[in-house]
Amino acid sequence: MMTIARRQSKPVWVGAVQVGGDAPIVVQSMTNTNTADTQATLRQTYELAELGCEIIRVAVPDRHAAAALPEIVSHSPI
């Protein structure tokens, strides 16, 4: 088995998940829903979490999407 050396990086915390440093590789993804549609975004967030995602990003292109963030964050499994 071949081992690949990872370059050294500074650890950064995203909530309770460490990225970089000596942390294991983190599974992450991004939703492709309209973030203003909270139900669709939460549905996709739950699906991604069930698949093992540890970090999920969402796009916030406008005020409507920004206004949906508190509800999404409060109900997100991650």
PDB file of N, CA and C in Angstrom:
ATOM      1  N   MET A   1       0.844  -1.179   0.000  1.00  0.00           N
ATOM      2  CA  MET A   1       0.000   0.000   0.000  1.00  0.00           C
ATOM      3  C   MET A   1       0.887   1.240   0.000  1.00  0.00           C
ATOM      4  N   MET A   2       0.572   2.190  -0.879  1.00  0.00           N
ATOM      5  CA  MET A   2       1.359   3.410  -0.976  1.00  0.00           C
ATOM      6  C   MET A   2       0.801   4.469  -0.023  1.00  0.00           C
ATOM      7  N   THR A   3       1.682   5.150   0.683  1.00  0.00           N
ATOM      8  CA  THR A   3       1.276   6.222   1.574  1.00  0.00           C
ATOM      9  C   THR A   3       1.697   7.543   0.972  1.00  0.00           C
ATOM     10  N   ILE A   4       0.788   8.501   0.975  1.00  0.00           N
ATOM     11  CA  ILE A   4       1.084   9.831   0.453  1.00  0.00           C
ATOM     12  C   ILE A   4       1.210  10.777   1.636  1.00  0.00           C
ATOM     13  N   ALA A   5       2.288  11.513   1.689  1.00  0.00           N
ATOM     14  CA  ALA A   5       2.496  12.472   2.778  1.00  0.00           C
ATOM     15  C   ALA A   5       1.619  13.698   2.556  1.00  0.00           C
ATOM     16  N   ARG A   6       0.948  14.106   3.616  1.00  0.00           N
ATOM     17  CA  ARG A   6       0.112  15.306   3.550  1.00  0.00           C
ATOM     18  C   ARG A   6       0.960  16.513   3.934  1.00  0.00           C
ATOM     19  N   ARG A   7       0.718  17.620   3.270  1.00  0.00           N
ATOM     20  CA  ARG A   7       1.448  18.839   3.639  1.00  0.00           C
ATOM     21  C   ARG A   7       0.892  19.359   4.955  1.00  0.00           C
ATOM     22  N   GLN A   8       1.730  20.003   5.723  1.00  0.00           N
ATOM     23  CA  GLN A   8       1.314  20.560   7.003  1.00  0.00           C
ATOM     24  C   GLN A   8       0.421  21.773   6.782  1.00  0.00           C
ATOM     25  N   SER A   9      -0.646  21.859   7.534  1.00  0.00           N
ATOM     26  CA  SER A   9      -1.542  23.002   7.456  1.00  0.00           C
ATOM     27  C   SER A   9      -2.002  23.359   8.861  1.00  0.00           C
ATOM     28  N   LYS A  10      -2.494  24.562   9.011  1.00  0.00           N
ATOM     29  CA  LYS A  10      -2.994  24.995  10.309  1.00  0.00           C
ATOM     30  C   LYS A  10      -4.406  24.449  10.513  1.00  0.00           C
ATOM     31  N   PRO A  11      -4.707  23.997  11.717  1.00  0.00           N
ATOM     32  CA  PRO A  11      -6.060  23.518  11.975  1.00  0.00           C
ATOM     33  C   PRO A  11      -7.060  24.673  12.037  1.00  0.00           C
ATOM     34  N   VAL A  12      -8.226  24.430  11.480  1.00  0.00           N
ATOM     35  CA  VAL A  12      -9.328  25.388  11.512  1.00  0.00           C
ATOM     36  C   VAL A  12     -10.553  24.622  11.985  1.00  0.00           C
ATOM     37  N   TRP A  13     -11.356  25.228  12.825  1.00  0.00           N
ATOM     38  CA  TRP A  13     -12.562  24.573  13.321  1.00  0.00           C
ATOM     39  C   TRP A  13     -13.779  25.123  12.607  1.00  0.00           C
ATOM     40  N   VAL A  14     -14.612  24.243  12.085  1.00  0.00           N
ATOM     41  CA  VAL A  14     -15.899  24.591  11.492  1.00  0.00           C
ATOM     42  C   VAL A  14     -16.936  23.961  12.419  1.00  0.00           C
ATOM     43  N   GLY A  15     -17.453  24.750  13.337  1.00  0.00           N
ATOM     44  CA  GLY A  15     -18.301  24.185  14.383  1.00  0.00           C
ATOM     45  C   GLY A  15     -17.468  23.249  15.227  1.00  0.00           C
ATOM     46  N   ALA A  16     -17.875  22.003  15.334  1.00  0.00           N
ATOM     47  CA  ALA A  16     -17.154  21.017  16.133  1.00  0.00           C
ATOM     48  C   ALA A  16     -16.221  20.157  15.281  1.00  0.00           C
ATOM     49  N   VAL A  17     -16.075  20.493  14.002  1.00  0.00           N
ATOM     50  CA  VAL A  17     -15.275  19.683  13.074  1.00  0.00           C
ATOM     51  C   VAL A  17     -13.956  20.394  12.785  1.00  0.00           C
ATOM     52  N   GLN A  18     -12.852  19.686  13.019  1.00  0.00           N
ATOM     53  CA  GLN A  18     -11.535  20.250  12.707  1.00  0.00           C
ATOM     54  C   GLN A  18     -11.179  19.925  11.264  1.00  0.00           C
ATOM     55  N   VAL A  19     -10.708  20.942  10.556  1.00  0.00           N
ATOM     56  CA  VAL A  19     -10.227  20.786   9.187  1.00  0.00           C
ATOM     57  C   VAL A  19      -8.763  21.200   9.182  1.00  0.00           C
ATOM     58  N   GLY A  20      -7.916  20.378   8.591  1.00  0.00           N
ATOM     59  CA  GLY A  20      -6.497  20.707   8.532  1.00  0.00           C
ATOM     60  C   GLY A  20      -5.762  20.228   9.772  1.00  0.00           C
ATOM     61  N   GLY A  21      -4.507  20.642   9.878  1.00  0.00           N
ATOM     62  CA  GLY A  21      -3.683  20.163  10.979  1.00  0.00           C
ATOM     63  C   GLY A  21      -3.490  18.670  10.849  1.00  0.00           C
ATOM     64  N   ASP A  22      -3.646  17.961  11.957  1.00  0.00           N
ATOM     65  CA  ASP A  22      -3.487  16.509  11.918  1.00  0.00           C
ATOM     66  C   ASP A  22      -4.837  15.787  11.915  1.00  0.00           C
ATOM     67  N   ALA A  23      -5.915  16.534  11.616  1.00  0.00           N
ATOM     68  CA  ALA A  23      -7.261  15.941  11.594  1.00  0.00           C
ATOM     69  C   ALA A  23      -7.416  15.027  10.379  1.00  0.00           C
ATOM     70  N   PRO A  24      -8.257  14.012  10.498  1.00  0.00           N
ATOM     71  CA  PRO A  24      -8.534  13.176   9.326  1.00  0.00           C
ATOM     72  C   PRO A  24      -9.260  13.988   8.249  1.00  0.00           C
ATOM     73  N   ILE A  25      -9.247  13.497   7.040  1.00  0.00           N
ATOM     74  CA  ILE A  25      -9.927  14.173   5.939  1.00  0.00           C
ATOM     75  C   ILE A  25     -11.417  14.246   6.248  1.00  0.00           C
ATOM     76  N   VAL A  26     -12.019  15.411   5.996  1.00  0.00           N
ATOM     77  CA  VAL A  26     -13.419  15.660   6.315  1.00  0.00           C
ATOM     78  C   VAL A  26     -14.258  15.553   5.042  1.00  0.00           C
ATOM     79  N   VAL A  27     -15.369  14.823   5.128  1.00  0.00           N
ATOM     80  CA  VAL A  27     -16.289  14.707   4.006  1.00  0.00           C
ATOM     81  C   VAL A  27     -17.193  15.939   4.019  1.00  0.00           C
ATOM     82  N   GLN A  28     -17.209  16.663   2.908  1.00  0.00           N
ATOM     83  CA  GLN A  28     -18.034  17.863   2.829  1.00  0.00           C
ATOM     84  C   GLN A  28     -18.669  17.979   1.456  1.00  0.00           C
ATOM     85  N   SER A  29     -19.789  18.717   1.424  1.00  0.00           N
ATOM     86  CA  SER A  29     -20.501  18.910   0.176  1.00  0.00           C
ATOM     87  C   SER A  29     -21.220  20.254   0.233  1.00  0.00           C
ATOM     88  N   MET A  30     -21.940  20.545  -0.839  1.00  0.00           N
ATOM     89  CA  MET A  30     -22.703  21.785  -0.924  1.00  0.00           C
ATOM     90  C   MET A  30     -24.082  21.463  -1.477  1.00  0.00           C
ATOM     91  N   THR A  31     -25.097  22.118  -0.928  1.00  0.00           N
ATOM     92  CA  THR A  31     -26.442  21.904  -1.451  1.00  0.00           C
ATOM     93  C   THR A  31     -26.563  22.541  -2.827  1.00  0.00           C
ATOM     94  N   ASN A  32     -27.491  22.047  -3.628  1.00  0.00           N
ATOM     95  CA  ASN A  32     -27.749  22.663  -4.931  1.00  0.00           C
ATOM     96  C   ASN A  32     -29.201  23.134  -5.014  1.00  0.00           C
ATOM     97  N   THR A  33     -29.796  23.385  -3.853  1.00  0.00           N
ATOM     98  CA  THR A  33     -31.164  23.895  -3.790  1.00  0.00           C
ATOM     99  C   THR A  33     -31.152  25.414  -3.708  1.00  0.00           C
ATOM    100  N   ASN A  34     -32.306  26.010  -3.892  1.00  0.00           N
ATOM    101  CA  ASN A  34     -32.462  27.436  -3.637  1.00  0.00           C
ATOM    102  C   ASN A  34     -32.488  27.585  -2.120  1.00  0.00           C
ATOM    103  N   THR A  35     -31.507  28.224  -1.540  1.00  0.00           N
ATOM    104  CA  THR A  35     -31.387  28.310  -0.086  1.00  0.00           C
ATOM    105  C   THR A  35     -32.602  28.975   0.538  1.00  0.00           C
ATOM    106  N   ALA A  36     -33.275  29.857  -0.173  1.00  0.00           N
ATOM    107  CA  ALA A  36     -34.488  30.487   0.346  1.00  0.00           C
ATOM    108  C   ALA A  36     -35.607  29.466   0.544  1.00  0.00           C
ATOM    109  N   ASP A  37     -35.529  28.328  -0.145  1.00  0.00           N
ATOM    110  CA  ASP A  37     -36.490  27.240   0.034  1.00  0.00           C
ATOM    111  C   ASP A  37     -35.972  26.368   1.180  1.00  0.00           C
ATOM    112  N   THR A  38     -36.351  26.733   2.392  1.00  0.00           N
ATOM    113  CA  THR A  38     -35.804  26.074   3.573  1.00  0.00           C
ATOM    114  C   THR A  38     -36.101  24.580   3.604  1.00  0.00           C
ATOM    115  N   GLN A  39     -37.300  24.171   3.219  1.00  0.00           N
ATOM    116  CA  GLN A  39     -37.654  22.755   3.285  1.00  0.00           C
ATOM    117  C   GLN A  39     -36.798  21.928   2.327  1.00  0.00           C
ATOM    118  N   ALA A  40     -36.612  22.412   1.106  1.00  0.00           N
ATOM    119  CA  ALA A  40     -35.787  21.678   0.142  1.00  0.00           C
ATOM    120  C   ALA A  40     -34.330  21.623   0.604  1.00  0.00           C
ATOM    121  N   THR A  41     -33.850  22.730   1.138  1.00  0.00           N
ATOM    122  CA  THR A  41     -32.463  22.783   1.602  1.00  0.00           C
ATOM    123  C   THR A  41     -32.264  21.863   2.799  1.00  0.00           C
ATOM    124  N   LEU A  42     -33.206  21.872   3.741  1.00  0.00           N
ATOM    125  CA  LEU A  42     -33.096  20.971   4.895  1.00  0.00           C
ATOM    126  C   LEU A  42     -33.212  19.510   4.475  1.00  0.00           C
ATOM    127  N   ARG A  43     -34.086  19.212   3.541  1.00  0.00           N
ATOM    128  CA  ARG A  43     -34.229  17.832   3.054  1.00  0.00           C
ATOM    129  C   ARG A  43     -32.891  17.350   2.482  1.00  0.00           C
ATOM    130  N   GLN A  44     -32.263  18.190   1.668  1.00  0.00           N
ATOM    131  CA  GLN A  44     -30.988  17.799   1.083  1.00  0.00           C
ATOM    132  C   GLN A  44     -29.896  17.716   2.151  1.00  0.00           C
ATOM    133  N   THR A  45     -29.944  18.591   3.140  1.00  0.00           N
ATOM    134  CA  THR A  45     -28.975  18.563   4.236  1.00  0.00           C
ATOM    135  C   THR A  45     -29.068  17.246   5.000  1.00  0.00           C
ATOM    136  N   TYR A  46     -30.288  16.802   5.300  1.00  0.00           N
ATOM    137  CA  TYR A  46     -30.472  15.523   5.987  1.00  0.00           C
ATOM    138  C   TYR A  46     -29.969  14.359   5.125  1.00  0.00           C
ATOM    139  N   GLU A  47     -30.223  14.409   3.823  1.00  0.00           N
ATOM    140  CA  GLU A  47     -29.741  13.340   2.931  1.00  0.00           C
ATOM    141  C   GLU A  47     -28.217  13.282   2.935  1.00  0.00           C
ATOM    142  N   LEU A  48     -27.581  14.447   2.839  1.00  0.00           N
ATOM    143  CA  LEU A  48     -26.120  14.488   2.843  1.00  0.00           C
ATOM    144  C   LEU A  48     -25.553  14.002   4.176  1.00  0.00           C
ATOM    145  N   ALA A  49     -26.188  14.384   5.274  1.00  0.00           N
ATOM    146  CA  ALA A  49     -25.735  13.936   6.593  1.00  0.00           C
ATOM    147  C   ALA A  49     -25.831  12.415   6.711  1.00  0.00           C
ATOM    148  N   GLU A  50     -26.914  11.844   6.191  1.00  0.00           N
ATOM    149  CA  GLU A  50     -27.073  10.389   6.228  1.00  0.00           C
ATOM    150  C   GLU A  50     -26.004   9.676   5.409  1.00  0.00           C
ATOM    151  N   LEU A  51     -25.492  10.367   4.391  1.00  0.00           N
ATOM    152  CA  LEU A  51     -24.437   9.788   3.550  1.00  0.00           C
ATOM    153  C   LEU A  51     -23.039   9.967   4.138  1.00  0.00           C
ATOM    154  N   GLY A  52     -22.957  10.670   5.284  1.00  0.00           N
ATOM    155  CA  GLY A  52     -21.674  10.806   5.956  1.00  0.00           C
ATOM    156  C   GLY A  52     -21.015  12.164   5.875  1.00  0.00           C
ATOM    157  N   CYS A  53     -21.682  13.148   5.306  1.00  0.00           N
ATOM    158  CA  CYS A  53     -21.092  14.485   5.245  1.00  0.00           C
ATOM    159  C   CYS A  53     -20.933  15.052   6.655  1.00  0.00           C
ATOM    160  N   GLU A  54     -19.824  15.728   6.869  1.00  0.00           N
ATOM    161  CA  GLU A  54     -19.553  16.346   8.159  1.00  0.00           C
ATOM    162  C   GLU A  54     -19.672  17.872   8.083  1.00  0.00           C
ATOM    163  N   ILE A  55     -19.525  18.419   6.889  1.00  0.00           N
ATOM    164  CA  ILE A  55     -19.689  19.852   6.655  1.00  0.00           C
ATOM    165  C   ILE A  55     -20.537  20.005   5.398  1.00  0.00           C
ATOM    166  N   ILE A  56     -21.571  20.844   5.485  1.00  0.00           N
ATOM    167  CA  ILE A  56     -22.418  21.109   4.320  1.00  0.00           C
ATOM    168  C   ILE A  56     -22.485  22.613   4.128  1.00  0.00           C
ATOM    169  N   ARG A  57     -22.164  23.051   2.916  1.00  0.00           N
ATOM    170  CA  ARG A  57     -22.187  24.474   2.592  1.00  0.00           C
ATOM    171  C   ARG A  57     -23.470  24.801   1.830  1.00  0.00           C
ATOM    172  N   VAL A  58     -23.924  26.038   1.971  1.00  0.00           N
ATOM    173  CA  VAL A  58     -25.071  26.527   1.203  1.00  0.00           C
ATOM    174  C   VAL A  58     -24.697  27.857   0.569  1.00  0.00           C
ATOM    175  N   ALA A  59     -25.298  28.157  -0.567  1.00  0.00           N
ATOM    176  CA  ALA A  59     -25.079  29.435  -1.236  1.00  0.00           C
ATOM    177  C   ALA A  59     -26.024  30.480  -0.638  1.00  0.00           C
ATOM    178  N   VAL A  60     -25.525  31.699  -0.507  1.00  0.00           N
ATOM    179  CA  VAL A  60     -26.347  32.799   0.010  1.00  0.00           C
ATOM    180  C   VAL A  60     -26.211  33.976  -0.976  1.00  0.00           C
ATOM    181  N   PRO A  61     -26.916  33.871  -2.123  1.00  0.00           N
ATOM    182  CA  PRO A  61     -26.746  34.870  -3.166  1.00  0.00           C
ATOM    183  C   PRO A  61     -27.558  36.156  -2.965  1.00  0.00           C
ATOM    184  N   ASP A  62     -28.531  36.133  -2.049  1.00  0.00           N
ATOM    185  CA  ASP A  62     -29.364  37.328  -1.890  1.00  0.00           C
ATOM    186  C   ASP A  62     -29.960  37.385  -0.482  1.00  0.00           C
ATOM    187  N   ARG A  63     -30.740  38.424  -0.221  1.00  0.00           N
ATOM    188  CA  ARG A  63     -31.335  38.626   1.111  1.00  0.00           C
ATOM    189  C   ARG A  63     -32.342  37.533   1.478  1.00  0.00           C
ATOM    190  N   HIS A  64     -33.053  37.009   0.497  1.00  0.00           N
ATOM    191  CA  HIS A  64     -34.024  35.942   0.777  1.00  0.00           C
ATOM    192  C   HIS A  64     -33.308  34.687   1.288  1.00  0.00           C
ATOM    193  N   ALA A  65     -32.208  34.361   0.665  1.00  0.00           N
ATOM    194  CA  ALA A  65     -31.424  33.207   1.116  1.00  0.00           C
ATOM    195  C   ALA A  65     -30.840  33.475   2.496  1.00  0.00           C
ATOM    196  N   ALA A  66     -30.354  34.679   2.720  1.00  0.00           N
ATOM    197  CA  ALA A  66     -29.793  35.033   4.034  1.00  0.00           C
ATOM    198  C   ALA A  66     -30.859  34.958   5.121  1.00  0.00           C
ATOM    199  N   ALA A  67     -32.067  35.372   4.807  1.00  0.00           N
ATOM    200  CA  ALA A  67     -33.156  35.340   5.787  1.00  0.00           C
ATOM    201  C   ALA A  67     -33.536  33.905   6.159  1.00  0.00           C
ATOM    202  N   ALA A  68     -33.282  32.946   5.281  1.00  0.00           N
ATOM    203  CA  ALA A  68     -33.617  31.547   5.547  1.00  0.00           C
ATOM    204  C   ALA A  68     -32.579  30.856   6.425  1.00  0.00           C
ATOM    205  N   LEU A  69     -31.387  31.417   6.541  1.00  0.00           N
ATOM    206  CA  LEU A  69     -30.308  30.749   7.272  1.00  0.00           C
ATOM    207  C   LEU A  69     -30.633  30.410   8.723  1.00  0.00           C
ATOM    208  N   PRO A  70     -31.233  31.312   9.509  1.00  0.00           N
ATOM    209  CA  PRO A  70     -31.505  30.941  10.914  1.00  0.00           C
ATOM    210  C   PRO A  70     -32.359  29.674  11.047  1.00  0.00           C
ATOM    211  N   GLU A  71     -33.367  29.529  10.205  1.00  0.00           N
ATOM    212  CA  GLU A  71     -34.209  28.331  10.270  1.00  0.00           C
ATOM    213  C   GLU A  71     -33.421  27.096   9.823  1.00  0.00           C
ATOM    214  N   ILE A  72     -32.638  27.236   8.768  1.00  0.00           N
ATOM    215  CA  ILE A  72     -31.847  26.111   8.272  1.00  0.00           C
ATOM    216  C   ILE A  72     -30.851  25.654   9.335  1.00  0.00           C
ATOM    217  N   VAL A  73     -30.139  26.595   9.918  1.00  0.00           N
ATOM    218  CA  VAL A  73     -29.128  26.261  10.928  1.00  0.00           C
ATOM    219  C   VAL A  73     -29.772  25.619  12.153  1.00  0.00           C
ATOM    220  N   SER A  74     -30.902  26.148  12.587  1.00  0.00           N
ATOM    221  CA  SER A  74     -31.520  25.616  13.810  1.00  0.00           C
ATOM    222  C   SER A  74     -32.098  24.218  13.622  1.00  0.00           C
ATOM    223  N   HIS A  75     -32.405  23.820  12.402  1.00  0.00           N
ATOM    224  CA  HIS A  75     -32.972  22.490  12.165  1.00  0.00           C
ATOM    225  C   HIS A  75     -32.006  21.524  11.483  1.00  0.00           C
ATOM    226  N   SER A  76     -30.811  21.981  11.182  1.00  0.00           N
ATOM    227  CA  SER A  76     -29.850  21.143  10.478  1.00  0.00           C
ATOM    228  C   SER A  76     -29.275  20.058  11.396  1.00  0.00           C
ATOM    229  N   PRO A  77     -29.078  18.850  10.885  1.00  0.00           N
ATOM    230  CA  PRO A  77     -28.478  17.790  11.695  1.00  0.00           C
ATOM    231  C   PRO A  77     -26.974  17.953  11.878  1.00  0.00           C
ATOM    232  N   ILE A  78     -26.401  18.884  11.139  1.00  0.00           N
ATOM    233  CA  ILE A  78     -24.956  19.097  11.215  1.00  0.00           C
ATOM    234  C   ILE A  78     -24.693  20.514  11.697  1.00  0.00           C
TER     235      ILE A  78
END
